[in-house]
Amino acid sequence: MKVMDAVRAVAEPRRREILRLVWDAELSAGEIAERFDVTFGAVSQHLKVLRDSGLVTLRQDGRKRYYRADRKGMGPLADYLQSMWATKLDALTELAEAAERAEKSEEASP
């Protein structure tokens, strides 16, 4: 894996989202494409960039192509991505909890 290629690849938000989707599970190209509001061809191009930069592995089964994050191949970039997603998830949890508290206090007010 070339580090600069990998960094450039994950600089694009859709590619980061694709990586997050295939982080713990292998998904077909079609399953990945269903989650985006762009064409299958656009998602296919993102997958090619991720594959060429060594961030995902490809397994073919007949006509289907399955992708999975190559965490070992990523080296320290894997830890960075995982911590970035965890931080965002923590922030989202805090926002949801604050909204829930605000909603409950509005319900309690006359």
N, C-alpha and C. Protein backbone atom coordinates (compact mmCIF):
# COMPACT_ATOMS: atom_id res chain seq x y z
N MET A 1 0.84 -1.19 0.00
CA MET A 1 0.00 0.00 0.00
C MET A 1 0.88 1.24 0.00
N LYS A 2 0.62 2.14 -0.90
CA LYS A 2 1.29 3.42 -0.92
C LYS A 2 0.51 4.35 -0.01
N VAL A 3 1.19 4.90 0.98
CA VAL A 3 0.50 5.70 2.00
C VAL A 3 -0.21 6.91 1.39
N MET A 4 0.46 7.63 0.49
CA MET A 4 -0.18 8.82 -0.09
C MET A 4 -1.41 8.45 -0.92
N ASP A 5 -1.35 7.32 -1.65
CA ASP A 5 -2.52 6.88 -2.41
C ASP A 5 -3.68 6.57 -1.47
N ALA A 6 -3.37 5.93 -0.36
CA ALA A 6 -4.41 5.57 0.62
C ALA A 6 -5.00 6.83 1.25
N VAL A 7 -4.15 7.78 1.59
CA VAL A 7 -4.64 9.02 2.20
C VAL A 7 -5.52 9.78 1.21
N ARG A 8 -5.09 9.86 -0.03
CA ARG A 8 -5.91 10.52 -1.06
C ARG A 8 -7.24 9.79 -1.24
N ALA A 9 -7.20 8.48 -1.19
CA ALA A 9 -8.42 7.70 -1.37
C ALA A 9 -9.44 7.99 -0.26
N VAL A 10 -8.98 8.05 0.97
CA VAL A 10 -9.92 8.27 2.08
C VAL A 10 -10.26 9.74 2.28
N ALA A 11 -9.63 10.62 1.51
CA ALA A 11 -9.97 12.03 1.60
C ALA A 11 -11.38 12.29 1.05
N GLU A 12 -11.87 11.41 0.21
CA GLU A 12 -13.19 11.56 -0.40
C GLU A 12 -14.25 10.94 0.53
N PRO A 13 -15.26 11.72 0.94
CA PRO A 13 -16.26 11.23 1.90
C PRO A 13 -16.98 9.94 1.50
N ARG A 14 -17.32 9.78 0.24
CA ARG A 14 -18.03 8.55 -0.15
C ARG A 14 -17.12 7.33 0.01
N ARG A 15 -15.85 7.49 -0.29
CA ARG A 15 -14.94 6.36 -0.13
C ARG A 15 -14.77 6.00 1.34
N ARG A 16 -14.75 7.01 2.20
CA ARG A 16 -14.69 6.72 3.65
C ARG A 16 -15.94 5.96 4.07
N GLU A 17 -17.09 6.36 3.55
CA GLU A 17 -18.33 5.68 3.90
C GLU A 17 -18.33 4.25 3.38
N ILE A 18 -17.83 4.04 2.17
CA ILE A 18 -17.73 2.68 1.64
C ILE A 18 -16.83 1.84 2.55
N LEU A 19 -15.71 2.39 2.95
CA LEU A 19 -14.81 1.66 3.85
C LEU A 19 -15.51 1.30 5.15
N ARG A 20 -16.28 2.24 5.69
CA ARG A 20 -17.00 1.97 6.94
C ARG A 20 -17.99 0.82 6.74
N LEU A 21 -18.65 0.79 5.57
CA LEU A 21 -19.63 -0.27 5.30
C LEU A 21 -18.98 -1.64 5.22
N VAL A 22 -17.77 -1.71 4.67
CA VAL A 22 -17.12 -3.01 4.49
C VAL A 22 -16.06 -3.27 5.56
N TRP A 23 -16.09 -2.50 6.63
CA TRP A 23 -15.10 -2.64 7.70
C TRP A 23 -15.21 -3.99 8.39
N ASP A 24 -16.42 -4.39 8.73
CA ASP A 24 -16.64 -5.63 9.48
C ASP A 24 -17.38 -6.70 8.68
N ALA A 25 -17.78 -6.37 7.46
CA ALA A 25 -18.57 -7.32 6.68
C ALA A 25 -18.20 -7.21 5.21
N GLU A 26 -18.26 -8.34 4.56
CA GLU A 26 -18.04 -8.37 3.12
C GLU A 26 -19.38 -8.05 2.44
N LEU A 27 -19.36 -7.10 1.51
CA LEU A 27 -20.57 -6.73 0.79
C LEU A 27 -20.32 -6.78 -0.70
N SER A 28 -21.38 -7.08 -1.44
CA SER A 28 -21.26 -7.06 -2.90
C SER A 28 -21.28 -5.62 -3.38
N ALA A 29 -20.78 -5.40 -4.58
CA ALA A 29 -20.78 -4.06 -5.15
C ALA A 29 -22.21 -3.52 -5.21
N GLY A 30 -23.17 -4.37 -5.55
CA GLY A 30 -24.57 -3.95 -5.61
C GLY A 30 -25.10 -3.53 -4.26
N GLU A 31 -24.76 -4.28 -3.21
CA GLU A 31 -25.20 -3.93 -1.85
C GLU A 31 -24.61 -2.59 -1.42
N ILE A 32 -23.38 -2.35 -1.80
CA ILE A 32 -22.74 -1.07 -1.47
C ILE A 32 -23.43 0.06 -2.23
N ALA A 33 -23.64 -0.14 -3.53
CA ALA A 33 -24.24 0.89 -4.37
C ALA A 33 -25.64 1.28 -3.90
N GLU A 34 -26.39 0.32 -3.36
CA GLU A 34 -27.76 0.60 -2.88
C GLU A 34 -27.78 1.66 -1.79
N ARG A 35 -26.69 1.84 -1.10
CA ARG A 35 -26.65 2.76 0.05
C ARG A 35 -26.30 4.20 -0.34
N PHE A 36 -26.09 4.43 -1.63
CA PHE A 36 -25.68 5.76 -2.08
C PHE A 36 -26.65 6.31 -3.11
N ASP A 37 -26.69 7.64 -3.20
CA ASP A 37 -27.58 8.30 -4.14
C ASP A 37 -26.85 8.69 -5.43
N VAL A 38 -25.89 7.86 -5.83
CA VAL A 38 -25.17 8.06 -7.08
C VAL A 38 -25.30 6.78 -7.91
N THR A 39 -24.86 6.84 -9.15
CA THR A 39 -24.99 5.68 -10.02
C THR A 39 -24.10 4.53 -9.57
N PHE A 40 -24.46 3.34 -10.04
CA PHE A 40 -23.63 2.17 -9.76
C PHE A 40 -22.23 2.39 -10.32
N GLY A 41 -22.14 3.01 -11.50
CA GLY A 41 -20.84 3.29 -12.11
C GLY A 41 -19.96 4.17 -11.24
N ALA A 42 -20.56 5.17 -10.60
CA ALA A 42 -19.79 6.05 -9.71
C ALA A 42 -19.27 5.27 -8.51
N VAL A 43 -20.11 4.42 -7.93
CA VAL A 43 -19.68 3.61 -6.80
C VAL A 43 -18.58 2.64 -7.25
N SER A 44 -18.73 2.09 -8.43
CA SER A 44 -17.72 1.18 -8.97
C SER A 44 -16.37 1.87 -9.10
N GLN A 45 -16.37 3.12 -9.53
CA GLN A 45 -15.12 3.88 -9.64
C GLN A 45 -14.49 4.10 -8.26
N HIS A 46 -15.32 4.41 -7.27
CA HIS A 46 -14.81 4.57 -5.90
C HIS A 46 -14.19 3.26 -5.41
N LEU A 47 -14.86 2.15 -5.69
CA LEU A 47 -14.34 0.85 -5.28
C LEU A 47 -13.00 0.55 -5.96
N LYS A 48 -12.87 0.94 -7.21
CA LYS A 48 -11.61 0.73 -7.92
C LYS A 48 -10.47 1.53 -7.27
N VAL A 49 -10.75 2.77 -6.91
CA VAL A 49 -9.74 3.59 -6.23
C VAL A 49 -9.34 2.95 -4.91
N LEU A 50 -10.33 2.50 -4.15
CA LEU A 50 -10.04 1.85 -2.86
C LEU A 50 -9.23 0.57 -3.06
N ARG A 51 -9.58 -0.18 -4.08
CA ARG A 51 -8.85 -1.43 -4.36
C ARG A 51 -7.43 -1.13 -4.82
N ASP A 52 -7.28 -0.19 -5.75
CA ASP A 52 -5.95 0.16 -6.27
C ASP A 52 -5.04 0.73 -5.20
N SER A 53 -5.61 1.37 -4.18
CA SER A 53 -4.79 1.93 -3.11
C SER A 53 -4.56 0.94 -1.97
N GLY A 54 -5.08 -0.29 -2.12
CA GLY A 54 -4.83 -1.33 -1.13
C GLY A 54 -5.70 -1.27 0.10
N LEU A 55 -6.82 -0.54 0.03
CA LEU A 55 -7.67 -0.39 1.20
C LEU A 55 -8.78 -1.43 1.30
N VAL A 56 -9.13 -2.04 0.17
CA VAL A 56 -10.14 -3.10 0.18
C VAL A 56 -9.64 -4.29 -0.62
N THR A 57 -10.16 -5.44 -0.28
CA THR A 57 -9.87 -6.65 -1.05
C THR A 57 -11.11 -6.99 -1.88
N LEU A 58 -10.88 -7.69 -2.95
CA LEU A 58 -11.94 -8.08 -3.87
C LEU A 58 -11.97 -9.59 -3.97
N ARG A 59 -13.20 -10.15 -3.87
CA ARG A 59 -13.39 -11.58 -4.09
C ARG A 59 -14.51 -11.71 -5.11
N GLN A 60 -14.24 -12.47 -6.15
CA GLN A 60 -15.27 -12.70 -7.17
C GLN A 60 -15.90 -14.07 -6.96
N ASP A 61 -17.22 -14.10 -7.10
CA ASP A 61 -17.97 -15.34 -7.02
C ASP A 61 -18.94 -15.31 -8.18
N GLY A 62 -18.58 -15.98 -9.27
CA GLY A 62 -19.38 -15.89 -10.48
C GLY A 62 -19.31 -14.48 -11.03
N ARG A 63 -20.48 -13.88 -11.19
CA ARG A 63 -20.52 -12.51 -11.72
C ARG A 63 -20.50 -11.46 -10.62
N LYS A 64 -20.61 -11.90 -9.38
CA LYS A 64 -20.64 -10.94 -8.26
C LYS A 64 -19.23 -10.63 -7.77
N ARG A 65 -19.06 -9.38 -7.35
CA ARG A 65 -17.80 -8.94 -6.76
C ARG A 65 -18.08 -8.53 -5.32
N TYR A 66 -17.29 -9.07 -4.41
CA TYR A 66 -17.45 -8.78 -2.99
C TYR A 66 -16.23 -8.03 -2.47
N TYR A 67 -16.51 -7.03 -1.63
CA TYR A 67 -15.45 -6.18 -1.11
C TYR A 67 -15.43 -6.24 0.41
N ARG A 68 -14.22 -6.11 0.94
CA ARG A 68 -14.01 -6.06 2.39
C ARG A 68 -12.81 -5.16 2.66
N ALA A 69 -12.86 -4.42 3.75
CA ALA A 69 -11.72 -3.58 4.12
C ALA A 69 -10.51 -4.46 4.41
N ASP A 70 -9.37 -4.05 3.93
CA ASP A 70 -8.12 -4.77 4.20
C ASP A 70 -7.40 -4.06 5.34
N ARG A 71 -7.86 -4.32 6.56
CA ARG A 71 -7.33 -3.62 7.73
C ARG A 71 -5.86 -3.88 7.96
N LYS A 72 -5.42 -5.12 7.74
CA LYS A 72 -4.00 -5.42 7.92
C LYS A 72 -3.15 -4.65 6.93
N GLY A 73 -3.61 -4.58 5.70
CA GLY A 73 -2.88 -3.87 4.66
C GLY A 73 -2.81 -2.36 4.89
N MET A 74 -3.75 -1.84 5.66
CA MET A 74 -3.80 -0.40 5.93
C MET A 74 -2.76 0.06 6.93
N GLY A 75 -2.33 -0.85 7.79
CA GLY A 75 -1.38 -0.46 8.82
C GLY A 75 -1.98 0.56 9.77
N PRO A 76 -1.23 1.63 10.11
CA PRO A 76 -1.71 2.61 11.08
C PRO A 76 -2.93 3.40 10.61
N LEU A 77 -3.17 3.43 9.32
CA LEU A 77 -4.35 4.13 8.81
C LEU A 77 -5.63 3.48 9.33
N ALA A 78 -5.60 2.18 9.54
CA ALA A 78 -6.78 1.47 10.07
C ALA A 78 -7.14 2.00 11.46
N ASP A 79 -6.15 2.17 12.31
CA ASP A 79 -6.40 2.68 13.66
C ASP A 79 -6.96 4.10 13.61
N TYR A 80 -6.40 4.91 12.71
CA TYR A 80 -6.87 6.28 12.58
C TYR A 80 -8.34 6.32 12.16
N LEU A 81 -8.68 5.55 11.12
CA LEU A 81 -10.06 5.54 10.64
C LEU A 81 -11.02 5.05 11.72
N GLN A 82 -10.62 4.01 12.42
CA GLN A 82 -11.49 3.46 13.46
C GLN A 82 -11.71 4.49 14.57
N SER A 83 -10.66 5.20 14.96
CA SER A 83 -10.82 6.20 16.02
C SER A 83 -11.65 7.39 15.53
N MET A 84 -11.50 7.74 14.25
CA MET A 84 -12.29 8.84 13.69
C MET A 84 -13.78 8.48 13.72
N TRP A 85 -14.12 7.25 13.31
CA TRP A 85 -15.52 6.83 13.33
C TRP A 85 -16.05 6.74 14.75
N ALA A 86 -15.23 6.27 15.68
CA ALA A 86 -15.66 6.18 17.07
C ALA A 86 -15.92 7.57 17.64
N THR A 87 -15.06 8.53 17.33
CA THR A 87 -15.22 9.90 17.82
C THR A 87 -16.51 10.49 17.26
N LYS A 88 -16.77 10.29 15.98
CA LYS A 88 -18.00 10.81 15.38
C LYS A 88 -19.22 10.14 15.99
N LEU A 89 -19.13 8.84 16.26
CA LEU A 89 -20.24 8.13 16.86
C LEU A 89 -20.48 8.64 18.27
N ASP A 90 -19.41 8.88 19.03
CA ASP A 90 -19.55 9.43 20.37
C ASP A 90 -20.23 10.80 20.33
N ALA A 91 -19.83 11.65 19.39
CA ALA A 91 -20.43 12.98 19.26
C ALA A 91 -21.90 12.86 18.89
N LEU A 92 -22.24 11.94 18.00
CA LEU A 92 -23.63 11.74 17.59
C LEU A 92 -24.46 11.24 18.77
N THR A 93 -23.89 10.35 19.58
CA THR A 93 -24.58 9.85 20.77
C THR A 93 -24.87 10.99 21.74
N GLU A 94 -23.87 11.86 21.95
CA GLU A 94 -24.06 13.01 22.85
C GLU A 94 -25.16 13.93 22.33
N LEU A 95 -25.19 14.18 21.02
CA LEU A 95 -26.23 15.03 20.44
C LEU A 95 -27.61 14.41 20.63
N ALA A 96 -27.72 13.11 20.40
CA ALA A 96 -29.00 12.42 20.55
C ALA A 96 -29.48 12.47 21.99
N GLU A 97 -28.56 12.26 22.93
CA GLU A 97 -28.93 12.30 24.34
C GLU A 97 -29.35 13.71 24.76
N ALA A 98 -28.67 14.73 24.26
CA ALA A 98 -29.03 16.12 24.57
C ALA A 98 -30.41 16.44 24.00
N ALA A 99 -30.69 15.98 22.79
CA ALA A 99 -32.00 16.22 22.18
C ALA A 99 -33.09 15.52 22.97
N GLU A 100 -32.80 14.32 23.43
CA GLU A 100 -33.79 13.57 24.22
C GLU A 100 -34.07 14.28 25.54
N ARG A 101 -33.01 14.78 26.19
CA ARG A 101 -33.20 15.53 27.45
C ARG A 101 -34.03 16.78 27.21
N ALA A 102 -33.74 17.50 26.12
CA ALA A 102 -34.48 18.72 25.81
C ALA A 102 -35.96 18.41 25.54
N GLU A 103 -36.20 17.32 24.83
CA GLU A 103 -37.57 16.92 24.54
C GLU A 103 -38.33 16.57 25.81
N LYS A 104 -37.66 15.86 26.72
CA LYS A 104 -38.31 15.48 27.98
C LYS A 104 -38.60 16.71 28.85
N SER A 105 -37.67 17.68 28.86
CA SER A 105 -37.90 18.86 29.67
C SER A 105 -39.02 19.71 29.09
N GLU A 106 -39.18 19.73 27.74
CA GLU A 106 -40.29 20.45 27.12
C GLU A 106 -41.61 19.77 27.47
N GLU A 107 -41.63 18.45 27.52
CA GLU A 107 -42.85 17.71 27.85
C GLU A 107 -43.24 17.96 29.29
N ALA A 108 -42.24 18.13 30.16
CA ALA A 108 -42.52 18.34 31.59
C ALA A 108 -42.97 19.77 31.87
N SER A 109 -42.65 20.71 30.99
CA SER A 109 -43.05 22.11 31.18
C SER A 109 -44.51 22.28 30.79
N PRO A 110 -45.24 23.14 31.55
CA PRO A 110 -46.66 23.35 31.22
C PRO A 110 -46.86 24.16 29.98
